[in-house]
Amino acid sequence: MDRREVSRLFRLRLTEMLAQSGLSRSALARRAGIDRSTLAQLLSDDMDRLPRADTVAAIATELRVSLDWLLGLSHVQRLGADILHESLQIAESSQTPVDQMLVRWFEEAAGYKMRYVPTTIPDIAKTEEVLHHEYRYFRTRGPDRAINASRDKLEQIRLPETDMEICISRQALEALASGGGIWRTLAAPARQRQLDRLAEVVDELYPGLRMYLFDGLTHYSAPYTIFGHQRAALYVGQFYLVFNTTEHIAVLNRHFDDLIRAAVVQPIELASFLTRLRNGSGGG
C-alpha cells in the first residue's frame, strides 16, 4: 500500500475503535498523551500523511489493538504483545516517553495489586548516586530523567490505596553490598547509603508495599511489572513488551506467585537482612 492508503485505513480504523471504546476524543488524547488538536487532525478526512510512530504506539496501547492492524498492515486486530521501543518512546521529541507512560500506568493501576521484579534494585528506592552510576552512559535515558521518573513513581506508590509486591533475588542485594558486578566502580559509602535508602523506603511503605527475596540459585526472573488487571510490561533491554490480554497477565502472575512461594526472605525479615548487609556480616 502507498502512503495515502495507509493513512486512509489508519483513519478509518482509529474512528472505528474510538467509537467502540466509548471514549471521547478528549479522553483518548489525554490518556494517549497527545494534543487534542493532533487527534483531530488524525481523524480528519483531509489527513493524508502518516502519523508519528510514537503517536500510533500510544493510541494503539490505549485502544488495545495492534499497531499493524491500526495502520492497515494486518487483519489481526487483537493485541497480544506490543513492542514499545525506547528509541521511539523516550526521545526528547517524543510526546509519550516511556518514563511518562510507566508513571501513567502506575496511576491507572491505583487500587489494584501491582507486582514488580526490578532489573537491579527497585527504582522507587534508588538514591541519586546510584541512578547517576547506572545511567551516566545510557544512550537513550540520562540520569536526570531517571531521577525524575523515580520520584514520580515513588509519589504514586505513596498513595494510601497502594498494594504492591516486589520480588528480587537476595544475590542482587548481596552484590550491591559487596561491590560485585555493575557495582564494582561504585564507592562503598554510596552502596551503603543505597542499602539505607532501600530500608527506609520499604519501612515507610509497609504493608502497602511488601518486598520478598528469592534465591537466584534456584529461581530466575526477567524484570517485569504487572499493573493490576490491565497490563504487564516485560523489560527486554532496549524495549518493553507490553501485554494487555488476560491470558498473558495471568501467566506472569503465576510466575510471580512461584517467586513469592520460593522467597527465602519475607517482608518482615527484610529490615534485619539489610542491616546485616549494611554491617558487612552478610545476609545469611
C-alpha atoms as a PDB file:
ATOM      1  CA  MET A   1       0.000   0.000   0.000  1.00  0.00           C
ATOM      2  CA  ASP A   2       1.099   3.550  -0.638  1.00  0.00           C
ATOM      3  CA  ARG A   3       1.249   6.241   1.995  1.00  0.00           C
ATOM      4  CA  ARG A   4      -2.215   7.635   1.218  1.00  0.00           C
ATOM      5  CA  GLU A   5      -3.838   4.221   1.543  1.00  0.00           C
ATOM      6  CA  VAL A   6      -2.127   3.536   4.871  1.00  0.00           C
ATOM      7  CA  SER A   7      -3.256   6.943   6.102  1.00  0.00           C
ATOM      8  CA  ARG A   8      -6.840   6.255   4.968  1.00  0.00           C
ATOM      9  CA  LEU A   9      -7.011   2.862   6.679  1.00  0.00           C
ATOM     10  CA  PHE A  10      -5.456   4.283   9.843  1.00  0.00           C
ATOM     11  CA  ARG A  11      -8.118   6.996   9.944  1.00  0.00           C
ATOM     12  CA  LEU A  12     -10.962   4.532   9.355  1.00  0.00           C
ATOM     13  CA  ARG A  13      -9.752   2.063  11.967  1.00  0.00           C
ATOM     14  CA  LEU A  14      -8.998   4.778  14.504  1.00  0.00           C
ATOM     15  CA  THR A  15     -12.532   6.156  14.056  1.00  0.00           C
ATOM     16  CA  GLU A  16     -13.988   2.651  14.415  1.00  0.00           C
ATOM     17  CA  MET A  17     -12.061   1.800  17.586  1.00  0.00           C
ATOM     18  CA  LEU A  18     -12.705   5.201  19.155  1.00  0.00           C
ATOM     19  CA  ALA A  19     -16.439   4.635  18.723  1.00  0.00           C
ATOM     20  CA  GLN A  20     -16.207   1.110  20.180  1.00  0.00           C
ATOM     21  CA  SER A  21     -14.125   2.247  23.141  1.00  0.00           C
ATOM     22  CA  GLY A  22     -16.738   4.695  24.387  1.00  0.00           C
ATOM     23  CA  LEU A  23     -14.021   7.297  24.931  1.00  0.00           C
ATOM     24  CA  SER A  24     -14.408  10.884  23.842  1.00  0.00           C
ATOM     25  CA  ARG A  25     -11.741  12.441  21.668  1.00  0.00           C
ATOM     26  CA  SER A  26     -10.549  14.495  24.626  1.00  0.00           C
ATOM     27  CA  ALA A  27     -10.312  11.406  26.860  1.00  0.00           C
ATOM     28  CA  LEU A  28      -8.345   9.412  24.292  1.00  0.00           C
ATOM     29  CA  ALA A  29      -5.979  12.320  23.643  1.00  0.00           C
ATOM     30  CA  ARG A  30      -5.391  12.790  27.360  1.00  0.00           C
ATOM     31  CA  ARG A  31      -4.769   9.103  28.037  1.00  0.00           C
ATOM     32  CA  ALA A  32      -2.504   8.743  24.992  1.00  0.00           C
ATOM     33  CA  GLY A  33      -0.548  11.843  25.974  1.00  0.00           C
ATOM     34  CA  ILE A  34      -1.163  13.730  22.739  1.00  0.00           C
ATOM     35  CA  ASP A  35      -2.737  17.089  21.966  1.00  0.00           C
ATOM     36  CA  ARG A  36      -6.453  17.126  21.252  1.00  0.00           C
ATOM     37  CA  SER A  37      -5.718  19.068  18.058  1.00  0.00           C
ATOM     38  CA  THR A  38      -3.322  16.315  16.960  1.00  0.00           C
ATOM     39  CA  LEU A  39      -6.025  13.681  17.368  1.00  0.00           C
ATOM     40  CA  ALA A  40      -8.492  15.868  15.480  1.00  0.00           C
ATOM     41  CA  GLN A  41      -6.036  16.107  12.590  1.00  0.00           C
ATOM     42  CA  LEU A  42      -5.552  12.337  12.540  1.00  0.00           C
ATOM     43  CA  LEU A  43      -9.331  11.853  12.277  1.00  0.00           C
ATOM     44  CA  SER A  44      -9.782  14.498   9.592  1.00  0.00           C
ATOM     45  CA  ASP A  45     -10.725  13.401   6.064  1.00  0.00           C
ATOM     46  CA  ASP A  46      -8.108  15.822   4.786  1.00  0.00           C
ATOM     47  CA  MET A  47      -5.347  13.943   6.605  1.00  0.00           C
ATOM     48  CA  ASP A  48      -3.088  12.274   4.037  1.00  0.00           C
ATOM     49  CA  ARG A  49       0.216  11.961   5.907  1.00  0.00           C
ATOM     50  CA  LEU A  50       1.363   9.159   8.164  1.00  0.00           C
ATOM     51  CA  PRO A  51       1.246   9.775  11.910  1.00  0.00           C
ATOM     52  CA  ARG A  52       4.346   9.659  14.103  1.00  0.00           C
ATOM     53  CA  ALA A  53       5.386   6.188  15.254  1.00  0.00           C
ATOM     54  CA  ASP A  54       5.231   7.102  18.944  1.00  0.00           C
ATOM     55  CA  THR A  55       1.759   8.639  18.471  1.00  0.00           C
ATOM     56  CA  VAL A  56       0.452   5.437  16.869  1.00  0.00           C
ATOM     57  CA  ALA A  57       2.019   3.355  19.657  1.00  0.00           C
ATOM     58  CA  ALA A  58       0.339   5.431  22.360  1.00  0.00           C
ATOM     59  CA  ILE A  59      -3.065   5.307  20.651  1.00  0.00           C
ATOM     60  CA  ALA A  60      -2.826   1.564  19.960  1.00  0.00           C
ATOM     61  CA  THR A  61      -1.949   0.917  23.606  1.00  0.00           C
ATOM     62  CA  GLU A  62      -4.975   2.860  24.863  1.00  0.00           C
ATOM     63  CA  LEU A  63      -7.357   1.256  22.367  1.00  0.00           C
ATOM     64  CA  ARG A  64      -5.787  -2.177  22.965  1.00  0.00           C
ATOM     65  CA  VAL A  65      -5.265  -3.051  19.324  1.00  0.00           C
ATOM     66  CA  SER A  66      -2.136  -3.990  17.461  1.00  0.00           C
ATOM     67  CA  LEU A  67      -0.011  -1.384  15.737  1.00  0.00           C
ATOM     68  CA  ASP A  68      -0.065  -3.301  12.454  1.00  0.00           C
ATOM     69  CA  TRP A  69      -3.850  -3.541  12.455  1.00  0.00           C
ATOM     70  CA  LEU A  70      -4.307   0.139  13.239  1.00  0.00           C
ATOM     71  CA  LEU A  71      -2.049   1.028  10.303  1.00  0.00           C
ATOM     72  CA  GLY A  72      -3.843  -1.366   7.968  1.00  0.00           C
ATOM     73  CA  LEU A  73      -0.862  -3.694   7.717  1.00  0.00           C
ATOM     74  CA  SER A  74      -2.566  -6.662   9.363  1.00  0.00           C
ATOM     75  CA  HIS A  75      -6.037  -8.184   9.611  1.00  0.00           C
ATOM     76  CA  VAL A  76      -5.368  -9.282  13.189  1.00  0.00           C
ATOM     77  CA  GLN A  77      -6.964  -6.716  15.474  1.00  0.00           C
ATOM     78  CA  ARG A  78      -6.452  -8.287  18.880  1.00  0.00           C
ATOM     79  CA  LEU A  79      -3.451  -7.067  20.838  1.00  0.00           C
ATOM     80  CA  GLY A  80      -1.350  -9.848  22.336  1.00  0.00           C
ATOM     81  CA  ALA A  81       2.047  -8.236  22.873  1.00  0.00           C
ATOM     82  CA  ASP A  82       3.127  -4.895  21.557  1.00  0.00           C
ATOM     83  CA  ILE A  83       6.719  -3.679  21.344  1.00  0.00           C
ATOM     84  CA  LEU A  84       7.418  -0.176  22.601  1.00  0.00           C
ATOM     85  CA  HIS A  85      10.958   0.740  21.597  1.00  0.00           C
ATOM     86  CA  GLU A  86      12.820   3.107  23.879  1.00  0.00           C
ATOM     87  CA  SER A  87      14.413   4.717  20.832  1.00  0.00           C
ATOM     88  CA  LEU A  88      10.931   5.960  19.944  1.00  0.00           C
ATOM     89  CA  GLN A  89       9.383   6.303  23.346  1.00  0.00           C
ATOM     90  CA  ILE A  90      11.968   8.266  25.314  1.00  0.00           C
ATOM     91  CA  ALA A  91      13.399  10.542  22.638  1.00  0.00           C
ATOM     92  CA  GLU A  92      13.208  14.196  23.638  1.00  0.00           C
ATOM     93  CA  SER A  93      10.789  14.897  20.792  1.00  0.00           C
ATOM     94  CA  SER A  94       8.503  12.043  21.789  1.00  0.00           C
ATOM     95  CA  GLN A  95       5.072  13.012  23.063  1.00  0.00           C
ATOM     96  CA  THR A  96       4.701   9.874  25.159  1.00  0.00           C
ATOM     97  CA  PRO A  97       8.116   8.911  26.540  1.00  0.00           C
ATOM     98  CA  VAL A  98       8.415   5.596  28.311  1.00  0.00           C
ATOM     99  CA  ASP A  99       9.001   7.273  31.695  1.00  0.00           C
ATOM    100  CA  GLN A 100       5.710   9.153  31.428  1.00  0.00           C
ATOM    101  CA  MET A 101       3.921   6.070  30.165  1.00  0.00           C
ATOM    102  CA  LEU A 102       5.102   3.956  33.098  1.00  0.00           C
ATOM    103  CA  VAL A 103       4.038   6.613  35.599  1.00  0.00           C
ATOM    104  CA  ARG A 104       0.622   6.809  33.911  1.00  0.00           C
ATOM    105  CA  TRP A 105       0.254   3.047  34.098  1.00  0.00           C
ATOM    106  CA  PHE A 106       1.017   3.247  37.811  1.00  0.00           C
ATOM    107  CA  GLU A 107      -1.721   5.879  38.144  1.00  0.00           C
ATOM    108  CA  GLU A 108      -4.244   3.784  36.231  1.00  0.00           C
ATOM    109  CA  ALA A 109      -3.484   0.741  38.409  1.00  0.00           C
ATOM    110  CA  ALA A 110      -4.247   2.647  41.641  1.00  0.00           C
ATOM    111  CA  GLY A 111      -6.369   0.481  43.899  1.00  0.00           C
ATOM    112  CA  TYR A 112      -5.255  -2.745  42.211  1.00  0.00           C
ATOM    113  CA  LYS A 113      -2.382  -5.000  43.153  1.00  0.00           C
ATOM    114  CA  MET A 114       0.850  -4.199  41.330  1.00  0.00           C
ATOM    115  CA  ARG A 115       3.725  -6.672  41.181  1.00  0.00           C
ATOM    116  CA  TYR A 116       7.280  -5.796  40.260  1.00  0.00           C
ATOM    117  CA  VAL A 117      10.519  -7.655  39.532  1.00  0.00           C
ATOM    118  CA  PRO A 118      13.190  -4.931  39.147  1.00  0.00           C
ATOM    119  CA  THR A 119      16.251  -5.133  36.927  1.00  0.00           C
ATOM    120  CA  THR A 120      18.635  -4.443  39.818  1.00  0.00           C
ATOM    121  CA  ILE A 121      17.004  -2.780  42.815  1.00  0.00           C
ATOM    122  CA  PRO A 122      13.606  -1.043  42.834  1.00  0.00           C
ATOM    123  CA  ASP A 123      13.670   2.303  41.024  1.00  0.00           C
ATOM    124  CA  ILE A 124      11.459   3.866  43.691  1.00  0.00           C
ATOM    125  CA  ALA A 125      14.176   3.305  46.312  1.00  0.00           C
ATOM    126  CA  LYS A 126      17.294   4.208  44.312  1.00  0.00           C
ATOM    127  CA  THR A 127      19.464   7.070  45.512  1.00  0.00           C
ATOM    128  CA  GLU A 128      20.542   9.781  43.098  1.00  0.00           C
ATOM    129  CA  GLU A 129      24.104   8.440  43.368  1.00  0.00           C
ATOM    130  CA  VAL A 130      23.000   5.040  42.149  1.00  0.00           C
ATOM    131  CA  LEU A 131      20.870   6.481  39.340  1.00  0.00           C
ATOM    132  CA  HIS A 132      23.827   8.555  38.149  1.00  0.00           C
ATOM    133  CA  HIS A 133      26.001   5.439  38.319  1.00  0.00           C
ATOM    134  CA  GLU A 134      23.542   3.352  36.288  1.00  0.00           C
ATOM    135  CA  TYR A 135      22.568   5.900  33.648  1.00  0.00           C
ATOM    136  CA  ARG A 136      25.653   8.043  33.108  1.00  0.00           C
ATOM    137  CA  TYR A 137      26.481   6.178  29.874  1.00  0.00           C
ATOM    138  CA  PHE A 138      22.952   5.095  28.953  1.00  0.00           C
ATOM    139  CA  ARG A 139      22.291   6.019  25.336  1.00  0.00           C
ATOM    140  CA  THR A 140      18.542   6.707  25.464  1.00  0.00           C
ATOM    141  CA  ARG A 141      17.987   7.808  29.053  1.00  0.00           C
ATOM    142  CA  GLY A 142      20.065  10.181  31.166  1.00  0.00           C
ATOM    143  CA  PRO A 143      20.426  10.329  34.970  1.00  0.00           C
ATOM    144  CA  ASP A 144      18.192  13.401  35.314  1.00  0.00           C
ATOM    145  CA  ARG A 145      15.292  11.695  33.555  1.00  0.00           C
ATOM    146  CA  ALA A 146      15.807   8.553  35.597  1.00  0.00           C
ATOM    147  CA  ILE A 147      15.793  10.588  38.831  1.00  0.00           C
ATOM    148  CA  ASN A 148      12.582  12.407  37.888  1.00  0.00           C
ATOM    149  CA  ALA A 149      10.890   9.159  36.879  1.00  0.00           C
ATOM    150  CA  SER A 150      11.944   7.532  40.151  1.00  0.00           C
ATOM    151  CA  ARG A 151      10.454  10.399  42.153  1.00  0.00           C
ATOM    152  CA  ASP A 152       7.198  10.330  40.192  1.00  0.00           C
ATOM    153  CA  LYS A 153       6.778   6.592  40.694  1.00  0.00           C
ATOM    154  CA  LEU A 154       7.562   6.880  44.412  1.00  0.00           C
ATOM    155  CA  GLU A 155       4.841   9.507  44.821  1.00  0.00           C
ATOM    156  CA  GLN A 156       2.367   7.141  43.174  1.00  0.00           C
ATOM    157  CA  ILE A 157       3.388   4.291  45.462  1.00  0.00           C
ATOM    158  CA  ARG A 158       2.884   6.563  48.491  1.00  0.00           C
ATOM    159  CA  LEU A 159      -0.830   6.859  47.794  1.00  0.00           C
ATOM    160  CA  PRO A 160      -2.887   5.213  50.573  1.00  0.00           C
ATOM    161  CA  GLU A 161      -4.578   2.713  48.239  1.00  0.00           C
ATOM    162  CA  THR A 162      -1.242   1.236  47.131  1.00  0.00           C
ATOM    163  CA  ASP A 163      -0.952  -2.553  47.102  1.00  0.00           C
ATOM    164  CA  MET A 164       2.415  -3.555  45.666  1.00  0.00           C
ATOM    165  CA  GLU A 165       4.654  -6.595  45.882  1.00  0.00           C
ATOM    166  CA  ILE A 166       8.305  -6.646  44.838  1.00  0.00           C
ATOM    167  CA  CYS A 167      10.422  -9.746  44.248  1.00  0.00           C
ATOM    168  CA  ILE A 168      14.178  -9.660  43.782  1.00  0.00           C
ATOM    169  CA  SER A 169      16.957 -12.178  44.259  1.00  0.00           C
ATOM    170  CA  ARG A 170      18.901 -11.974  47.503  1.00  0.00           C
ATOM    171  CA  GLN A 171      22.088 -12.219  45.451  1.00  0.00           C
ATOM    172  CA  ALA A 172      21.246  -8.894  43.769  1.00  0.00           C
ATOM    173  CA  LEU A 173      21.368  -7.138  47.140  1.00  0.00           C
ATOM    174  CA  GLU A 174      24.440  -9.085  48.242  1.00  0.00           C
ATOM    175  CA  ALA A 175      26.230  -7.963  45.061  1.00  0.00           C
ATOM    176  CA  LEU A 176      25.328  -4.359  45.847  1.00  0.00           C
ATOM    177  CA  ALA A 177      26.669  -4.668  49.401  1.00  0.00           C
ATOM    178  CA  SER A 178      29.923  -6.313  48.342  1.00  0.00           C
ATOM    179  CA  GLY A 179      30.529  -4.194  45.246  1.00  0.00           C
ATOM    180  CA  GLY A 180      30.225  -7.036  42.764  1.00  0.00           C
ATOM    181  CA  GLY A 181      29.154  -6.880  39.132  1.00  0.00           C
ATOM    182  CA  ILE A 182      27.890  -3.489  37.978  1.00  0.00           C
ATOM    183  CA  TRP A 183      28.538  -2.067  41.459  1.00  0.00           C
ATOM    184  CA  ARG A 184      32.308  -2.630  41.299  1.00  0.00           C
ATOM    185  CA  THR A 185      33.020   1.012  40.426  1.00  0.00           C
ATOM    186  CA  LEU A 186      30.517   2.474  42.902  1.00  0.00           C
ATOM    187  CA  ALA A 187      32.200   3.581  46.128  1.00  0.00           C
ATOM    188  CA  ALA A 188      31.419   1.632  49.298  1.00  0.00           C
ATOM    189  CA  PRO A 189      29.843   4.630  51.113  1.00  0.00           C
ATOM    190  CA  ALA A 190      27.449   5.141  48.186  1.00  0.00           C
ATOM    191  CA  ARG A 191      26.477   1.457  48.254  1.00  0.00           C
ATOM    192  CA  GLN A 192      25.865   1.648  51.990  1.00  0.00           C
ATOM    193  CA  ARG A 193      23.699   4.740  51.552  1.00  0.00           C
ATOM    194  CA  GLN A 194      21.705   2.825  48.943  1.00  0.00           C
ATOM    195  CA  LEU A 195      21.064  -0.015  51.373  1.00  0.00           C
ATOM    196  CA  ASP A 196      19.958   2.528  53.971  1.00  0.00           C
ATOM    197  CA  ARG A 197      17.639   4.193  51.462  1.00  0.00           C
ATOM    198  CA  LEU A 198      16.092   0.868  50.480  1.00  0.00           C
ATOM    199  CA  ALA A 199      15.456   0.056  54.145  1.00  0.00           C
ATOM    200  CA  GLU A 200      13.849   3.477  54.678  1.00  0.00           C
ATOM    201  CA  VAL A 201      11.501   3.166  51.714  1.00  0.00           C
ATOM    202  CA  VAL A 202      10.281  -0.351  52.421  1.00  0.00           C
ATOM    203  CA  ASP A 203       9.790   0.514  56.096  1.00  0.00           C
ATOM    204  CA  GLU A 204       7.855   3.687  55.233  1.00  0.00           C
ATOM    205  CA  LEU A 205       5.551   1.993  52.737  1.00  0.00           C
ATOM    206  CA  TYR A 206       4.923  -1.328  54.524  1.00  0.00           C
ATOM    207  CA  PRO A 207       2.393  -3.015  54.432  1.00  0.00           C
ATOM    208  CA  GLY A 208       1.164  -1.312  51.251  1.00  0.00           C
ATOM    209  CA  LEU A 209       4.493  -2.353  49.740  1.00  0.00           C
ATOM    210  CA  ARG A 210       5.908  -5.774  50.529  1.00  0.00           C
ATOM    211  CA  MET A 211       9.321  -6.940  49.306  1.00  0.00           C
ATOM    212  CA  TYR A 212      10.367 -10.581  49.018  1.00  0.00           C
ATOM    213  CA  LEU A 213      13.795 -12.035  48.253  1.00  0.00           C
ATOM    214  CA  PHE A 214      14.151 -15.289  46.354  1.00  0.00           C
ATOM    215  CA  ASP A 215      17.256 -17.416  45.876  1.00  0.00           C
ATOM    216  CA  GLY A 216      18.822 -16.712  42.486  1.00  0.00           C
ATOM    217  CA  LEU A 217      20.468 -20.131  42.547  1.00  0.00           C
ATOM    218  CA  THR A 218      17.100 -21.885  42.392  1.00  0.00           C
ATOM    219  CA  HIS A 219      14.870 -19.363  40.627  1.00  0.00           C
ATOM    220  CA  TYR A 220      15.204 -16.799  37.864  1.00  0.00           C
ATOM    221  CA  SER A 221      13.096 -13.941  36.580  1.00  0.00           C
ATOM    222  CA  ALA A 222      13.406 -11.329  33.879  1.00  0.00           C
ATOM    223  CA  PRO A 223      12.362  -7.853  35.060  1.00  0.00           C
ATOM    224  CA  TYR A 224       8.678  -7.025  34.632  1.00  0.00           C
ATOM    225  CA  THR A 225       5.809  -5.106  36.192  1.00  0.00           C
ATOM    226  CA  ILE A 226       2.164  -6.163  36.452  1.00  0.00           C
ATOM    227  CA  PHE A 227      -0.192  -3.172  36.596  1.00  0.00           C
ATOM    228  CA  GLY A 228      -3.263  -4.697  38.193  1.00  0.00           C
ATOM    229  CA  HIS A 229      -5.544  -6.496  35.743  1.00  0.00           C
ATOM    230  CA  GLN A 230      -4.903  -4.052  32.909  1.00  0.00           C
ATOM    231  CA  ARG A 231      -1.432  -4.753  31.568  1.00  0.00           C
ATOM    232  CA  ALA A 232       2.042  -6.115  32.227  1.00  0.00           C
ATOM    233  CA  ALA A 233       5.329  -4.731  30.907  1.00  0.00           C
ATOM    234  CA  LEU A 234       8.303  -7.029  30.407  1.00  0.00           C
ATOM    235  CA  TYR A 235      11.636  -5.215  30.119  1.00  0.00           C
ATOM    236  CA  VAL A 236      13.903  -6.641  27.419  1.00  0.00           C
ATOM    237  CA  GLY A 237      16.942  -4.393  27.425  1.00  0.00           C
ATOM    238  CA  GLN A 238      16.131  -1.621  24.964  1.00  0.00           C
ATOM    239  CA  PHE A 239      12.362  -2.052  24.741  1.00  0.00           C
ATOM    240  CA  TYR A 240       9.302  -3.214  26.629  1.00  0.00           C
ATOM    241  CA  LEU A 241       6.919  -5.997  25.656  1.00  0.00           C
ATOM    242  CA  VAL A 242       3.515  -4.772  26.804  1.00  0.00           C
ATOM    243  CA  PHE A 243       0.860  -7.435  27.384  1.00  0.00           C
ATOM    244  CA  ASN A 244      -2.812  -6.452  27.598  1.00  0.00           C
ATOM    245  CA  THR A 245      -4.572  -9.800  27.426  1.00  0.00           C
ATOM    246  CA  THR A 246      -5.918 -11.656  30.441  1.00  0.00           C
ATOM    247  CA  GLU A 247      -4.010 -14.793  29.435  1.00  0.00           C
ATOM    248  CA  HIS A 248      -0.594 -13.132  29.326  1.00  0.00           C
ATOM    249  CA  ILE A 249      -1.137 -11.276  32.603  1.00  0.00           C
ATOM    250  CA  ALA A 250      -2.295 -14.492  34.290  1.00  0.00           C
ATOM    251  CA  VAL A 251       0.887 -16.316  33.208  1.00  0.00           C
ATOM    252  CA  LEU A 252       3.086 -13.590  34.687  1.00  0.00           C
ATOM    253  CA  ASN A 253       1.024 -13.549  37.875  1.00  0.00           C
ATOM    254  CA  ARG A 254       1.536 -17.302  38.280  1.00  0.00           C
ATOM    255  CA  HIS A 255       5.269 -16.828  37.798  1.00  0.00           C
ATOM    256  CA  PHE A 256       5.261 -14.117  40.457  1.00  0.00           C
ATOM    257  CA  ASP A 257       3.332 -16.400  42.815  1.00  0.00           C
ATOM    258  CA  ASP A 258       6.064 -19.007  42.366  1.00  0.00           C
ATOM    259  CA  LEU A 259       8.731 -16.433  43.302  1.00  0.00           C
ATOM    260  CA  ILE A 260       6.842 -15.497  46.458  1.00  0.00           C
ATOM    261  CA  ARG A 261       6.376 -19.134  47.460  1.00  0.00           C
ATOM    262  CA  ALA A 262      10.121 -19.637  46.993  1.00  0.00           C
ATOM    263  CA  ALA A 263      11.091 -16.499  48.949  1.00  0.00           C
ATOM    264  CA  VAL A 264      13.951 -17.021  51.400  1.00  0.00           C
ATOM    265  CA  VAL A 265      13.472 -13.589  52.979  1.00  0.00           C
ATOM    266  CA  GLN A 266       9.955 -12.428  53.851  1.00  0.00           C
ATOM    267  CA  PRO A 267       8.908  -8.749  54.067  1.00  0.00           C
ATOM    268  CA  ILE A 268       9.043  -8.715  57.879  1.00  0.00           C
ATOM    269  CA  GLU A 269      12.595 -10.147  57.723  1.00  0.00           C
ATOM    270  CA  LEU A 270      13.901  -7.663  55.157  1.00  0.00           C
ATOM    271  CA  ALA A 271      14.979  -4.951  57.629  1.00  0.00           C
ATOM    272  CA  SER A 272      17.243  -7.276  59.580  1.00  0.00           C
ATOM    273  CA  PHE A 273      18.621  -8.747  56.332  1.00  0.00           C
ATOM    274  CA  LEU A 274      19.552  -5.262  55.085  1.00  0.00           C
ATOM    275  CA  THR A 275      21.089  -4.400  58.452  1.00  0.00           C
ATOM    276  CA  ARG A 276      23.352  -7.433  58.242  1.00  0.00           C
ATOM    277  CA  LEU A 277      24.393  -6.482  54.722  1.00  0.00           C
ATOM    278  CA  ARG A 278      24.991  -2.900  55.810  1.00  0.00           C
ATOM    279  CA  ASN A 279      27.224  -4.084  58.681  1.00  0.00           C
ATOM    280  CA  GLY A 280      29.202  -6.375  56.409  1.00  0.00           C
ATOM    281  CA  SER A 281      28.129  -9.566  58.128  1.00  0.00           C
ATOM    282  CA  GLY A 282      26.284 -10.982  55.109  1.00  0.00           C
ATOM    283  CA  GLY A 283      22.597 -11.511  54.690  1.00  0.00           C
ATOM    284  CA  GLY A 284      22.538 -15.096  55.860  1.00  0.00           C
END
